[in-house]
Amino acid sequence: RIPPSFLEHINVSSHHAILKGPSNNIWRVEIKQICHGTIFRKGWKRFRRDHCLEFGDFLVFRYDGNMHFSVQIFDRSACEKESAFHVKNSKGNVPPTECQVGFESGKNMRAAYWASEHKK
């Protein structure tokens, strides 16, 4: 979920956002309002799978303006995931790897920190 206090600073009416991973590659995601808040939808699963996100990973989102977010990815040791610097957007064309299958059967990631740098 995107924290409500963060939503005050962005325009979710566009319904789409761009996520730039540590590799500087981009993923397009849909933003959807549901009964419990606002979330990333279509495209988020691919971002999650491409980065081999696991339970306990910690993401920091920086808002760069115009619905663009830079994302840092940390593992359980609080170090940036080295593998995230080499990830490319699979565009859904890659069969699941072991880490992808393991995460798909696990619980959703809950830890996320939202940072915002407002451009004036």
PDB file of N, CA and C in Angstrom:
ATOM      1  N   ARG A   1       0.830  -1.190   0.000  1.00  0.00           N
ATOM      2  CA  ARG A   1       0.000   0.000   0.000  1.00  0.00           C
ATOM      3  C   ARG A   1       0.868   1.243   0.000  1.00  0.00           C
ATOM      4  N   ILE A   2       0.401   2.241  -0.713  1.00  0.00           N
ATOM      5  CA  ILE A   2       1.081   3.531  -0.697  1.00  0.00           C
ATOM      6  C   ILE A   2       0.529   4.301   0.499  1.00  0.00           C
ATOM      7  N   PRO A   3       1.393   4.754   1.400  1.00  0.00           N
ATOM      8  CA  PRO A   3       0.911   5.465   2.593  1.00  0.00           C
ATOM      9  C   PRO A   3       0.082   6.694   2.240  1.00  0.00           C
ATOM     10  N   PRO A   4      -1.058   6.895   2.932  1.00  0.00           N
ATOM     11  CA  PRO A   4      -1.927   8.045   2.642  1.00  0.00           C
ATOM     12  C   PRO A   4      -1.206   9.386   2.725  1.00  0.00           C
ATOM     13  N   SER A   5      -0.288   9.547   3.666  1.00  0.00           N
ATOM     14  CA  SER A   5       0.422  10.824   3.786  1.00  0.00           C
ATOM     15  C   SER A   5       1.301  11.084   2.557  1.00  0.00           C
ATOM     16  N   PHE A   6       1.766  10.031   1.913  1.00  0.00           N
ATOM     17  CA  PHE A   6       2.567  10.178   0.697  1.00  0.00           C
ATOM     18  C   PHE A   6       1.679  10.575  -0.478  1.00  0.00           C
ATOM     19  N   LEU A   7       0.453  10.056  -0.495  1.00  0.00           N
ATOM     20  CA  LEU A   7      -0.469  10.333  -1.595  1.00  0.00           C
ATOM     21  C   LEU A   7      -0.815  11.815  -1.713  1.00  0.00           C
ATOM     22  N   GLU A   8      -0.674  12.539  -0.614  1.00  0.00           N
ATOM     23  CA  GLU A   8      -0.969  13.974  -0.632  1.00  0.00           C
ATOM     24  C   GLU A   8      -0.019  14.731  -1.557  1.00  0.00           C
ATOM     25  N   HIS A   9       1.130  14.139  -1.869  1.00  0.00           N
ATOM     26  CA  HIS A   9       2.160  14.820  -2.646  1.00  0.00           C
ATOM     27  C   HIS A   9       2.248  14.371  -4.101  1.00  0.00           C
ATOM     28  N   ILE A  10       1.406  13.418  -4.501  1.00  0.00           N
ATOM     29  CA  ILE A  10       1.456  12.933  -5.876  1.00  0.00           C
ATOM     30  C   ILE A  10       0.062  12.966  -6.487  1.00  0.00           C
ATOM     31  N   ASN A  11       0.000  12.879  -7.801  1.00  0.00           N
ATOM     32  CA  ASN A  11      -1.259  12.912  -8.525  1.00  0.00           C
ATOM     33  C   ASN A  11      -1.613  11.494  -8.979  1.00  0.00           C
ATOM     34  N   VAL A  12      -2.436  10.802  -8.220  1.00  0.00           N
ATOM     35  CA  VAL A  12      -2.780   9.419  -8.574  1.00  0.00           C
ATOM     36  C   VAL A  12      -3.878   9.343  -9.626  1.00  0.00           C
ATOM     37  N   SER A  13      -4.398  10.477 -10.054  1.00  0.00           N
ATOM     38  CA  SER A  13      -5.461  10.449 -11.063  1.00  0.00           C
ATOM     39  C   SER A  13      -4.946   9.947 -12.409  1.00  0.00           C
ATOM     40  N   SER A  14      -3.633   9.935 -12.606  1.00  0.00           N
ATOM     41  CA  SER A  14      -3.079   9.432 -13.866  1.00  0.00           C
ATOM     42  C   SER A  14      -3.218   7.917 -13.966  1.00  0.00           C
ATOM     43  N   HIS A  15      -3.337   7.230 -12.848  1.00  0.00           N
ATOM     44  CA  HIS A  15      -3.527   5.785 -12.778  1.00  0.00           C
ATOM     45  C   HIS A  15      -2.311   4.980 -13.233  1.00  0.00           C
ATOM     46  N   HIS A  16      -1.211   5.629 -13.586  1.00  0.00           N
ATOM     47  CA  HIS A  16      -0.003   4.922 -14.000  1.00  0.00           C
ATOM     48  C   HIS A  16       1.218   5.584 -13.387  1.00  0.00           C
ATOM     49  N   ALA A  17       2.263   4.780 -13.194  1.00  0.00           N
ATOM     50  CA  ALA A  17       3.520   5.300 -12.666  1.00  0.00           C
ATOM     51  C   ALA A  17       4.671   4.550 -13.314  1.00  0.00           C
ATOM     52  N   ILE A  18       5.855   5.130 -13.203  1.00  0.00           N
ATOM     53  CA  ILE A  18       7.084   4.523 -13.694  1.00  0.00           C
ATOM     54  C   ILE A  18       7.969   4.248 -12.486  1.00  0.00           C
ATOM     55  N   LEU A  19       8.445   3.001 -12.373  1.00  0.00           N
ATOM     56  CA  LEU A  19       9.388   2.628 -11.328  1.00  0.00           C
ATOM     57  C   LEU A  19      10.752   2.437 -11.974  1.00  0.00           C
ATOM     58  N   LYS A  20      11.755   3.129 -11.466  1.00  0.00           N
ATOM     59  CA  LYS A  20      13.126   2.949 -11.962  1.00  0.00           C
ATOM     60  C   LYS A  20      13.891   2.168 -10.903  1.00  0.00           C
ATOM     61  N   GLY A  21      14.334   0.980 -11.266  1.00  0.00           N
ATOM     62  CA  GLY A  21      15.065   0.130 -10.340  1.00  0.00           C
ATOM     63  C   GLY A  21      16.516   0.541 -10.214  1.00  0.00           C
ATOM     64  N   PRO A  22      17.256  -0.119  -9.325  1.00  0.00           N
ATOM     65  CA  PRO A  22      18.671   0.188  -9.128  1.00  0.00           C
ATOM     66  C   PRO A  22      19.518   0.029 -10.391  1.00  0.00           C
ATOM     67  N   SER A  23      19.041  -0.758 -11.354  1.00  0.00           N
ATOM     68  CA  SER A  23      19.761  -0.962 -12.616  1.00  0.00           C
ATOM     69  C   SER A  23      19.502   0.180 -13.606  1.00  0.00           C
ATOM     70  N   ASN A  24      18.670   1.133 -13.221  1.00  0.00           N
ATOM     71  CA  ASN A  24      18.231   2.252 -14.068  1.00  0.00           C
ATOM     72  C   ASN A  24      17.284   1.824 -15.175  1.00  0.00           C
ATOM     73  N   ASN A  25      16.831   0.586 -15.181  1.00  0.00           N
ATOM     74  CA  ASN A  25      15.786   0.147 -16.100  1.00  0.00           C
ATOM     75  C   ASN A  25      14.440   0.530 -15.500  1.00  0.00           C
ATOM     76  N   ILE A  26      13.417   0.605 -16.344  1.00  0.00           N
ATOM     77  CA  ILE A  26      12.115   1.063 -15.858  1.00  0.00           C
ATOM     78  C   ILE A  26      11.033  -0.002 -16.020  1.00  0.00           C
ATOM     79  N   TRP A  27      10.038   0.102 -15.140  1.00  0.00           N
ATOM     80  CA  TRP A  27       8.857  -0.759 -15.160  1.00  0.00           C
ATOM     81  C   TRP A  27       7.646   0.160 -15.067  1.00  0.00           C
ATOM     82  N   ARG A  28       6.665  -0.066 -15.906  1.00  0.00           N
ATOM     83  CA  ARG A  28       5.409   0.690 -15.857  1.00  0.00           C
ATOM     84  C   ARG A  28       4.439  -0.086 -14.956  1.00  0.00           C
ATOM     85  N   VAL A  29       3.791   0.632 -14.053  1.00  0.00           N
ATOM     86  CA  VAL A  29       2.821   0.002 -13.157  1.00  0.00           C
ATOM     87  C   VAL A  29       1.537   0.813 -13.147  1.00  0.00           C
ATOM     88  N   GLU A  30       0.465   0.135 -12.840  1.00  0.00           N
ATOM     89  CA  GLU A  30      -0.836   0.783 -12.684  1.00  0.00           C
ATOM     90  C   GLU A  30      -1.012   1.133 -11.212  1.00  0.00           C
ATOM     91  N   ILE A  31      -1.646   2.258 -10.958  1.00  0.00           N
ATOM     92  CA  ILE A  31      -1.998   2.644  -9.591  1.00  0.00           C
ATOM     93  C   ILE A  31      -3.498   2.466  -9.443  1.00  0.00           C
ATOM     94  N   LYS A  32      -3.901   1.762  -8.415  1.00  0.00           N
ATOM     95  CA  LYS A  32      -5.323   1.439  -8.241  1.00  0.00           C
ATOM     96  C   LYS A  32      -5.750   1.756  -6.811  1.00  0.00           C
ATOM     97  N   GLN A  33      -6.897   2.399  -6.680  1.00  0.00           N
ATOM     98  CA  GLN A  33      -7.474   2.632  -5.361  1.00  0.00           C
ATOM     99  C   GLN A  33      -8.396   1.472  -5.038  1.00  0.00           C
ATOM    100  N   ILE A  34      -8.192   0.889  -3.869  1.00  0.00           N
ATOM    101  CA  ILE A  34      -9.040  -0.199  -3.386  1.00  0.00           C
ATOM    102  C   ILE A  34      -9.593   0.222  -2.039  1.00  0.00           C
ATOM    103  N   CYS A  35     -10.425  -0.617  -1.446  1.00  0.00           N
ATOM    104  CA  CYS A  35     -11.083  -0.233  -0.195  1.00  0.00           C
ATOM    105  C   CYS A  35     -10.094   0.027   0.954  1.00  0.00           C
ATOM    106  N   HIS A  36      -8.923  -0.590   0.927  1.00  0.00           N
ATOM    107  CA  HIS A  36      -7.954  -0.420   2.015  1.00  0.00           C
ATOM    108  C   HIS A  36      -6.842   0.558   1.676  1.00  0.00           C
ATOM    109  N   GLY A  37      -6.937   1.270   0.556  1.00  0.00           N
ATOM    110  CA  GLY A  37      -5.902   2.234   0.210  1.00  0.00           C
ATOM    111  C   GLY A  37      -5.568   2.221  -1.266  1.00  0.00           C
ATOM    112  N   THR A  38      -4.385   2.697  -1.591  1.00  0.00           N
ATOM    113  CA  THR A  38      -3.924   2.799  -2.967  1.00  0.00           C
ATOM    114  C   THR A  38      -2.712   1.900  -3.128  1.00  0.00           C
ATOM    115  N   ILE A  39      -2.691   1.130  -4.217  1.00  0.00           N
ATOM    116  CA  ILE A  39      -1.633   0.136  -4.416  1.00  0.00           C
ATOM    117  C   ILE A  39      -1.117   0.174  -5.847  1.00  0.00           C
ATOM    118  N   PHE A  40       0.063  -0.434  -6.062  1.00  0.00           N
ATOM    119  CA  PHE A  40       0.554  -0.692  -7.406  1.00  0.00           C
ATOM    120  C   PHE A  40      -0.078  -1.990  -7.866  1.00  0.00           C
ATOM    121  N   ARG A  41      -0.524  -2.033  -9.121  1.00  0.00           N
ATOM    122  CA  ARG A  41      -1.145  -3.239  -9.666  1.00  0.00           C
ATOM    123  C   ARG A  41      -0.364  -3.701 -10.894  1.00  0.00           C
ATOM    124  N   LYS A  42      -1.028  -3.775 -12.014  1.00  0.00           N
ATOM    125  CA  LYS A  42      -0.414  -4.310 -13.237  1.00  0.00           C
ATOM    126  C   LYS A  42       1.000  -3.759 -13.411  1.00  0.00           C
ATOM    127  N   GLY A  43       1.945  -4.668 -13.569  1.00  0.00           N
ATOM    128  CA  GLY A  43       3.344  -4.289 -13.706  1.00  0.00           C
ATOM    129  C   GLY A  43       4.131  -4.479 -12.422  1.00  0.00           C
ATOM    130  N   TRP A  44       3.450  -4.372 -11.265  1.00  0.00           N
ATOM    131  CA  TRP A  44       4.132  -4.550  -9.977  1.00  0.00           C
ATOM    132  C   TRP A  44       4.627  -5.981  -9.820  1.00  0.00           C
ATOM    133  N   LYS A  45       3.826  -6.946 -10.224  1.00  0.00           N
ATOM    134  CA  LYS A  45       4.212  -8.357 -10.101  1.00  0.00           C
ATOM    135  C   LYS A  45       5.497  -8.619 -10.897  1.00  0.00           C
ATOM    136  N   ARG A  46       5.589  -8.051 -12.083  1.00  0.00           N
ATOM    137  CA  ARG A  46       6.788  -8.212 -12.909  1.00  0.00           C
ATOM    138  C   ARG A  46       7.988  -7.555 -12.228  1.00  0.00           C
ATOM    139  N   PHE A  47       7.811  -6.337 -11.699  1.00  0.00           N
ATOM    140  CA  PHE A  47       8.900  -5.653 -10.990  1.00  0.00           C
ATOM    141  C   PHE A  47       9.382  -6.519  -9.827  1.00  0.00           C
ATOM    142  N   ARG A  48       8.435  -7.022  -9.065  1.00  0.00           N
ATOM    143  CA  ARG A  48       8.725  -7.862  -7.897  1.00  0.00           C
ATOM    144  C   ARG A  48       9.466  -9.137  -8.311  1.00  0.00           C
ATOM    145  N   ARG A  49       8.975  -9.774  -9.355  1.00  0.00           N
ATOM    146  CA  ARG A  49       9.574 -11.022  -9.838  1.00  0.00           C
ATOM    147  C   ARG A  49      10.955 -10.776 -10.447  1.00  0.00           C
ATOM    148  N   ASP A  50      11.081  -9.742 -11.272  1.00  0.00           N
ATOM    149  CA  ASP A  50      12.369  -9.447 -11.909  1.00  0.00           C
ATOM    150  C   ASP A  50      13.463  -9.172 -10.875  1.00  0.00           C
ATOM    151  N   HIS A  51      13.089  -8.569  -9.760  1.00  0.00           N
ATOM    152  CA  HIS A  51      14.066  -8.239  -8.714  1.00  0.00           C
ATOM    153  C   HIS A  51      14.214  -9.329  -7.657  1.00  0.00           C
ATOM    154  N   CYS A  52      13.550 -10.465  -7.865  1.00  0.00           N
ATOM    155  CA  CYS A  52      13.647 -11.591  -6.917  1.00  0.00           C
ATOM    156  C   CYS A  52      13.374 -11.126  -5.482  1.00  0.00           C
ATOM    157  N   LEU A  53      12.347 -10.312  -5.317  1.00  0.00           N
ATOM    158  CA  LEU A  53      12.041  -9.815  -3.980  1.00  0.00           C
ATOM    159  C   LEU A  53      11.578 -10.952  -3.089  1.00  0.00           C
ATOM    160  N   GLU A  54      12.048 -10.922  -1.860  1.00  0.00           N
ATOM    161  CA  GLU A  54      11.725 -11.954  -0.883  1.00  0.00           C
ATOM    162  C   GLU A  54      11.133 -11.304   0.363  1.00  0.00           C
ATOM    163  N   PHE A  55      10.432 -12.104   1.138  1.00  0.00           N
ATOM    164  CA  PHE A  55       9.902 -11.603   2.401  1.00  0.00           C
ATOM    165  C   PHE A  55      11.076 -11.099   3.230  1.00  0.00           C
ATOM    166  N   GLY A  56      10.956  -9.897   3.762  1.00  0.00           N
ATOM    167  CA  GLY A  56      12.028  -9.308   4.551  1.00  0.00           C
ATOM    168  C   GLY A  56      12.837  -8.281   3.784  1.00  0.00           C
ATOM    169  N   ASP A  57      12.711  -8.263   2.441  1.00  0.00           N
ATOM    170  CA  ASP A  57      13.376  -7.221   1.672  1.00  0.00           C
ATOM    171  C   ASP A  57      12.705  -5.885   1.991  1.00  0.00           C
ATOM    172  N   PHE A  58      13.464  -4.823   1.869  1.00  0.00           N
ATOM    173  CA  PHE A  58      13.013  -3.493   2.249  1.00  0.00           C
ATOM    174  C   PHE A  58      13.214  -2.571   1.054  1.00  0.00           C
ATOM    175  N   LEU A  59      12.160  -1.887   0.637  1.00  0.00           N
ATOM    176  CA  LEU A  59      12.237  -1.000  -0.516  1.00  0.00           C
ATOM    177  C   LEU A  59      12.083   0.446  -0.082  1.00  0.00           C
ATOM    178  N   VAL A  60      12.882   1.316  -0.679  1.00  0.00           N
ATOM    179  CA  VAL A  60      12.777   2.751  -0.456  1.00  0.00           C
ATOM    180  C   VAL A  60      12.378   3.382  -1.784  1.00  0.00           C
ATOM    181  N   PHE A  61      11.244   4.069  -1.780  1.00  0.00           N
ATOM    182  CA  PHE A  61      10.736   4.732  -2.975  1.00  0.00           C
ATOM    183  C   PHE A  61      10.995   6.233  -2.854  1.00  0.00           C
ATOM    184  N   ARG A  62      11.618   6.820  -3.871  1.00  0.00           N
ATOM    185  CA  ARG A  62      11.810   8.264  -3.920  1.00  0.00           C
ATOM    186  C   ARG A  62      10.980   8.797  -5.073  1.00  0.00           C
ATOM    187  N   TYR A  63      10.138   9.767  -4.781  1.00  0.00           N
ATOM    188  CA  TYR A  63       9.312  10.355  -5.829  1.00  0.00           C
ATOM    189  C   TYR A  63      10.136  11.397  -6.569  1.00  0.00           C
ATOM    190  N   ASP A  64      10.291  11.199  -7.886  1.00  0.00           N
ATOM    191  CA  ASP A  64      11.105  12.088  -8.713  1.00  0.00           C
ATOM    192  C   ASP A  64      10.265  13.097  -9.488  1.00  0.00           C
ATOM    193  N   GLY A  65       8.961  13.074  -9.283  1.00  0.00           N
ATOM    194  CA  GLY A  65       8.057  13.971  -9.997  1.00  0.00           C
ATOM    195  C   GLY A  65       7.434  13.281 -11.194  1.00  0.00           C
ATOM    196  N   ASN A  66       6.301  13.821 -11.647  1.00  0.00           N
ATOM    197  CA  ASN A  66       5.619  13.334 -12.843  1.00  0.00           C
ATOM    198  C   ASN A  66       5.349  11.825 -12.807  1.00  0.00           C
ATOM    199  N   MET A  67       5.003  11.320 -11.632  1.00  0.00           N
ATOM    200  CA  MET A  67       4.669   9.906 -11.408  1.00  0.00           C
ATOM    201  C   MET A  67       5.827   8.950 -11.723  1.00  0.00           C
ATOM    202  N   HIS A  68       7.064   9.423 -11.516  1.00  0.00           N
ATOM    203  CA  HIS A  68       8.261   8.604 -11.644  1.00  0.00           C
ATOM    204  C   HIS A  68       8.838   8.375 -10.248  1.00  0.00           C
ATOM    205  N   PHE A  69       9.168   7.123  -9.951  1.00  0.00           N
ATOM    206  CA  PHE A  69       9.739   6.752  -8.659  1.00  0.00           C
ATOM    207  C   PHE A  69      11.065   6.027  -8.871  1.00  0.00           C
ATOM    208  N   SER A  70      12.071   6.378  -8.097  1.00  0.00           N
ATOM    209  CA  SER A  70      13.321   5.617  -8.050  1.00  0.00           C
ATOM    210  C   SER A  70      13.209   4.680  -6.861  1.00  0.00           C
ATOM    211  N   VAL A  71      13.629   3.425  -7.053  1.00  0.00           N
ATOM    212  CA  VAL A  71      13.465   2.415  -6.009  1.00  0.00           C
ATOM    213  C   VAL A  71      14.826   1.839  -5.627  1.00  0.00           C
ATOM    214  N   GLN A  72      15.119   1.852  -4.330  1.00  0.00           N
ATOM    215  CA  GLN A  72      16.297   1.163  -3.792  1.00  0.00           C
ATOM    216  C   GLN A  72      15.799  -0.113  -3.133  1.00  0.00           C
ATOM    217  N   ILE A  73      16.573  -1.186  -3.249  1.00  0.00           N
ATOM    218  CA  ILE A  73      16.156  -2.480  -2.714  1.00  0.00           C
ATOM    219  C   ILE A  73      17.221  -2.998  -1.757  1.00  0.00           C
ATOM    220  N   PHE A  74      16.801  -3.286  -0.532  1.00  0.00           N
ATOM    221  CA  PHE A  74      17.688  -3.776   0.515  1.00  0.00           C
ATOM    222  C   PHE A  74      17.255  -5.178   0.928  1.00  0.00           C
ATOM    223  N   ASP A  75      18.223  -5.988   1.321  1.00  0.00           N
ATOM    224  CA  ASP A  75      17.891  -7.332   1.801  1.00  0.00           C
ATOM    225  C   ASP A  75      17.766  -7.320   3.325  1.00  0.00           C
ATOM    226  N   ARG A  76      17.619  -8.489   3.916  1.00  0.00           N
ATOM    227  CA  ARG A  76      17.416  -8.598   5.373  1.00  0.00           C
ATOM    228  C   ARG A  76      18.588  -8.063   6.183  1.00  0.00           C
ATOM    229  N   SER A  77      19.771  -8.014   5.592  1.00  0.00           N
ATOM    230  CA  SER A  77      20.943  -7.514   6.315  1.00  0.00           C
ATOM    231  C   SER A  77      21.021  -5.993   6.266  1.00  0.00           C
ATOM    232  N   ALA A  78      20.063  -5.351   5.611  1.00  0.00           N
ATOM    233  CA  ALA A  78      19.988  -3.894   5.440  1.00  0.00           C
ATOM    234  C   ALA A  78      21.026  -3.378   4.449  1.00  0.00           C
ATOM    235  N   CYS A  79      21.588  -4.280   3.646  1.00  0.00           N
ATOM    236  CA  CYS A  79      22.494  -3.891   2.561  1.00  0.00           C
ATOM    237  C   CYS A  79      21.707  -3.902   1.257  1.00  0.00           C
ATOM    238  N   GLU A  80      22.113  -3.029   0.325  1.00  0.00           N
ATOM    239  CA  GLU A  80      21.435  -3.043  -0.968  1.00  0.00           C
ATOM    240  C   GLU A  80      21.684  -4.388  -1.651  1.00  0.00           C
ATOM    241  N   LYS A  81      20.635  -4.893  -2.291  1.00  0.00           N
ATOM    242  CA  LYS A  81      20.762  -6.162  -3.014  1.00  0.00           C
ATOM    243  C   LYS A  81      21.629  -5.942  -4.250  1.00  0.00           C
ATOM    244  N   GLU A  82      22.760  -6.591  -4.249  1.00  0.00           N
ATOM    245  CA  GLU A  82      23.702  -6.455  -5.367  1.00  0.00           C
ATOM    246  C   GLU A  82      23.054  -6.870  -6.692  1.00  0.00           C
ATOM    247  N   SER A  83      22.270  -7.935  -6.665  1.00  0.00           N
ATOM    248  CA  SER A  83      21.653  -8.442  -7.898  1.00  0.00           C
ATOM    249  C   SER A  83      20.706  -7.420  -8.523  1.00  0.00           C
ATOM    250  N   ALA A  84      20.135  -6.521  -7.726  1.00  0.00           N
ATOM    251  CA  ALA A  84      19.173  -5.547  -8.244  1.00  0.00           C
ATOM    252  C   ALA A  84      19.819  -4.559  -9.212  1.00  0.00           C
ATOM    253  N   PHE A  85      21.141  -4.403  -9.138  1.00  0.00           N
ATOM    254  CA  PHE A  85      21.830  -3.469 -10.019  1.00  0.00           C
ATOM    255  C   PHE A  85      22.003  -4.021 -11.435  1.00  0.00           C
ATOM    256  N   HIS A  86      21.658  -5.296 -11.643  1.00  0.00           N
ATOM    257  CA  HIS A  86      21.859  -5.937 -12.936  1.00  0.00           C
ATOM    258  C   HIS A  86      20.555  -6.430 -13.561  1.00  0.00           C
ATOM    259  N   VAL A  87      19.420  -6.051 -12.982  1.00  0.00           N
ATOM    260  CA  VAL A  87      18.119  -6.551 -13.432  1.00  0.00           C
ATOM    261  C   VAL A  87      17.644  -5.803 -14.667  1.00  0.00           C
ATOM    262  N   LYS A  88      17.063  -6.556 -15.598  1.00  0.00           N
ATOM    263  CA  LYS A  88      16.423  -5.975 -16.779  1.00  0.00           C
ATOM    264  C   LYS A  88      14.940  -6.297 -16.721  1.00  0.00           C
ATOM    265  N   ASN A  89      14.148  -5.476 -17.345  1.00  0.00           N
ATOM    266  CA  ASN A  89      12.708  -5.696 -17.398  1.00  0.00           C
ATOM    267  C   ASN A  89      12.427  -6.905 -18.278  1.00  0.00           C
ATOM    268  N   SER A  90      11.855  -7.954 -17.688  1.00  0.00           N
ATOM    269  CA  SER A  90      11.596  -9.193 -18.430  1.00  0.00           C
ATOM    270  C   SER A  90      10.424  -9.055 -19.391  1.00  0.00           C
ATOM    271  N   LYS A  91       9.589  -8.062 -19.175  1.00  0.00           N
ATOM    272  CA  LYS A  91       8.392  -7.851 -19.994  1.00  0.00           C
ATOM    273  C   LYS A  91       7.542  -9.104 -20.046  1.00  0.00           C
ATOM    274  N   GLY A  92       7.643  -9.919 -18.995  1.00  0.00           N
ATOM    275  CA  GLY A  92       6.823 -11.107 -18.892  1.00  0.00           C
ATOM    276  C   GLY A  92       7.282 -12.275 -19.745  1.00  0.00           C
ATOM    277  N   ASN A  93       8.471 -12.184 -20.355  1.00  0.00           N
ATOM    278  CA  ASN A  93       8.927 -13.215 -21.287  1.00  0.00           C
ATOM    279  C   ASN A  93       9.850 -14.259 -20.669  1.00  0.00           C
ATOM    280  N   VAL A  94      10.089 -14.192 -19.382  1.00  0.00           N
ATOM    281  CA  VAL A  94      11.040 -15.099 -18.747  1.00  0.00           C
ATOM    282  C   VAL A  94      10.299 -16.089 -17.874  1.00  0.00           C
ATOM    283  N   PRO A  95      10.576 -17.393 -18.015  1.00  0.00           N
ATOM    284  CA  PRO A  95       9.920 -18.365 -17.135  1.00  0.00           C
ATOM    285  C   PRO A  95      10.359 -18.135 -15.690  1.00  0.00           C
ATOM    286  N   PRO A  96       9.509 -18.471 -14.709  1.00  0.00           N
ATOM    287  CA  PRO A  96       9.838 -18.226 -13.309  1.00  0.00           C
ATOM    288  C   PRO A  96      11.115 -18.947 -12.890  1.00  0.00           C
ATOM    289  N   THR A  97      11.923 -18.247 -12.092  1.00  0.00           N
ATOM    290  CA  THR A  97      13.112 -18.861 -11.506  1.00  0.00           C
ATOM    291  C   THR A  97      12.747 -19.362 -10.120  1.00  0.00           C
ATOM    292  N   GLU A  98      13.685 -19.988  -9.463  1.00  0.00           N
ATOM    293  CA  GLU A  98      13.428 -20.514  -8.123  1.00  0.00           C
ATOM    294  C   GLU A  98      12.996 -19.414  -7.153  1.00  0.00           C
ATOM    295  N   CYS A  99      13.657 -18.265  -7.211  1.00  0.00           N
ATOM    296  CA  CYS A  99      13.290 -17.200  -6.273  1.00  0.00           C
ATOM    297  C   CYS A  99      11.900 -16.656  -6.593  1.00  0.00           C
ATOM    298  N   GLN A 100      11.535 -16.627  -7.888  1.00  0.00           N
ATOM    299  CA  GLN A 100      10.221 -16.125  -8.257  1.00  0.00           C
ATOM    300  C   GLN A 100       9.125 -17.056  -7.763  1.00  0.00           C
ATOM    301  N   VAL A 101       9.305 -18.348  -7.923  1.00  0.00           N
ATOM    302  CA  VAL A 101       8.296 -19.304  -7.482  1.00  0.00           C
ATOM    303  C   VAL A 101       8.147 -19.241  -5.973  1.00  0.00           C
ATOM    304  N   GLY A 102       9.275 -19.146  -5.252  1.00  0.00           N
ATOM    305  CA  GLY A 102       9.235 -19.066  -3.793  1.00  0.00           C
ATOM    306  C   GLY A 102       8.491 -17.841  -3.305  1.00  0.00           C
ATOM    307  N   PHE A 103       8.690 -16.726  -3.977  1.00  0.00           N
ATOM    308  CA  PHE A 103       8.025 -15.506  -3.533  1.00  0.00           C
ATOM    309  C   PHE A 103       6.547 -15.534  -3.869  1.00  0.00           C
ATOM    310  N   GLU A 104       6.198 -16.076  -5.015  1.00  0.00           N
ATOM    311  CA  GLU A 104       4.793 -16.110  -5.417  1.00  0.00           C
ATOM    312  C   GLU A 104       3.946 -16.856  -4.401  1.00  0.00           C
ATOM    313  N   SER A 105       4.507 -17.883  -3.786  1.00  0.00           N
ATOM    314  CA  SER A 105       3.733 -18.660  -2.821  1.00  0.00           C
ATOM    315  C   SER A 105       3.776 -18.039  -1.425  1.00  0.00           C
ATOM    316  N   GLY A 106       4.624 -17.033  -1.236  1.00  0.00           N
ATOM    317  CA  GLY A 106       4.764 -16.402   0.081  1.00  0.00           C
ATOM    318  C   GLY A 106       3.774 -15.271   0.281  1.00  0.00           C
ATOM    319  N   LYS A 107       3.869 -14.660   1.424  1.00  0.00           N
ATOM    320  CA  LYS A 107       3.006 -13.526   1.756  1.00  0.00           C
ATOM    321  C   LYS A 107       3.501 -12.277   1.034  1.00  0.00           C
ATOM    322  N   ASN A 108       2.626 -11.287   0.897  1.00  0.00           N
ATOM    323  CA  ASN A 108       3.017 -10.023   0.287  1.00  0.00           C
ATOM    324  C   ASN A 108       4.038  -9.331   1.168  1.00  0.00           C
ATOM    325  N   MET A 109       4.914  -8.582   0.512  1.00  0.00           N
ATOM    326  CA  MET A 109       5.878  -7.801   1.292  1.00  0.00           C
ATOM    327  C   MET A 109       5.123  -6.697   2.011  1.00  0.00           C
ATOM    328  N   ARG A 110       5.462  -6.477   3.234  1.00  0.00           N
ATOM    329  CA  ARG A 110       4.772  -5.447   4.010  1.00  0.00           C
ATOM    330  C   ARG A 110       5.658  -4.227   4.250  1.00  0.00           C
ATOM    331  N   ALA A 111       6.966  -4.417   4.285  1.00  0.00           N
ATOM    332  CA  ALA A 111       7.853  -3.312   4.641  1.00  0.00           C
ATOM    333  C   ALA A 111       8.167  -2.468   3.417  1.00  0.00           C
ATOM    334  N   ALA A 112       7.839  -1.221   3.487  1.00  0.00           N
ATOM    335  CA  ALA A 112       8.221  -0.289   2.432  1.00  0.00           C
ATOM    336  C   ALA A 112       8.322   1.092   3.043  1.00  0.00           C
ATOM    337  N   TYR A 113       9.328   1.804   2.692  1.00  0.00           N
ATOM    338  CA  TYR A 113       9.512   3.149   3.194  1.00  0.00           C
ATOM    339  C   TYR A 113       9.359   4.092   2.017  1.00  0.00           C
ATOM    340  N   TRP A 114       8.567   5.096   2.197  1.00  0.00           N
ATOM    341  CA  TRP A 114       8.312   6.022   1.108  1.00  0.00           C
ATOM    342  C   TRP A 114       9.018   7.331   1.402  1.00  0.00           C
ATOM    343  N   ALA A 115       9.928   7.691   0.533  1.00  0.00           N
ATOM    344  CA  ALA A 115      10.661   8.945   0.675  1.00  0.00           C
ATOM    345  C   ALA A 115      10.273   9.840  -0.493  1.00  0.00           C
ATOM    346  N   SER A 116      10.222  11.094  -0.241  1.00  0.00           N
ATOM    347  CA  SER A 116       9.828  12.008  -1.303  1.00  0.00           C
ATOM    348  C   SER A 116      10.798  13.173  -1.366  1.00  0.00           C
ATOM    349  N   GLU A 117      11.252  13.469  -2.569  1.00  0.00           N
ATOM    350  CA  GLU A 117      12.032  14.667  -2.802  1.00  0.00           C
ATOM    351  C   GLU A 117      11.177  15.549  -3.697  1.00  0.00           C
ATOM    352  N   HIS A 118      10.654  16.609  -3.137  1.00  0.00           N
ATOM    353  CA  HIS A 118       9.754  17.480  -3.883  1.00  0.00           C
ATOM    354  C   HIS A 118      10.546  18.497  -4.689  1.00  0.00           C
ATOM    355  N   LYS A 119      10.243  18.542  -5.966  1.00  0.00           N
ATOM    356  CA  LYS A 119      10.909  19.507  -6.832  1.00  0.00           C
ATOM    357  C   LYS A 119      10.111  20.801  -6.808  1.00  0.00           C
ATOM    358  N   LYS A 120      10.816  21.876  -6.681  1.00  0.00           N
ATOM    359  CA  LYS A 120      10.135  23.180  -6.615  1.00  0.00           C
ATOM    360  C   LYS A 120      10.302  23.958  -7.873  1.00  0.00           C
TER     361      LYS A 120
END
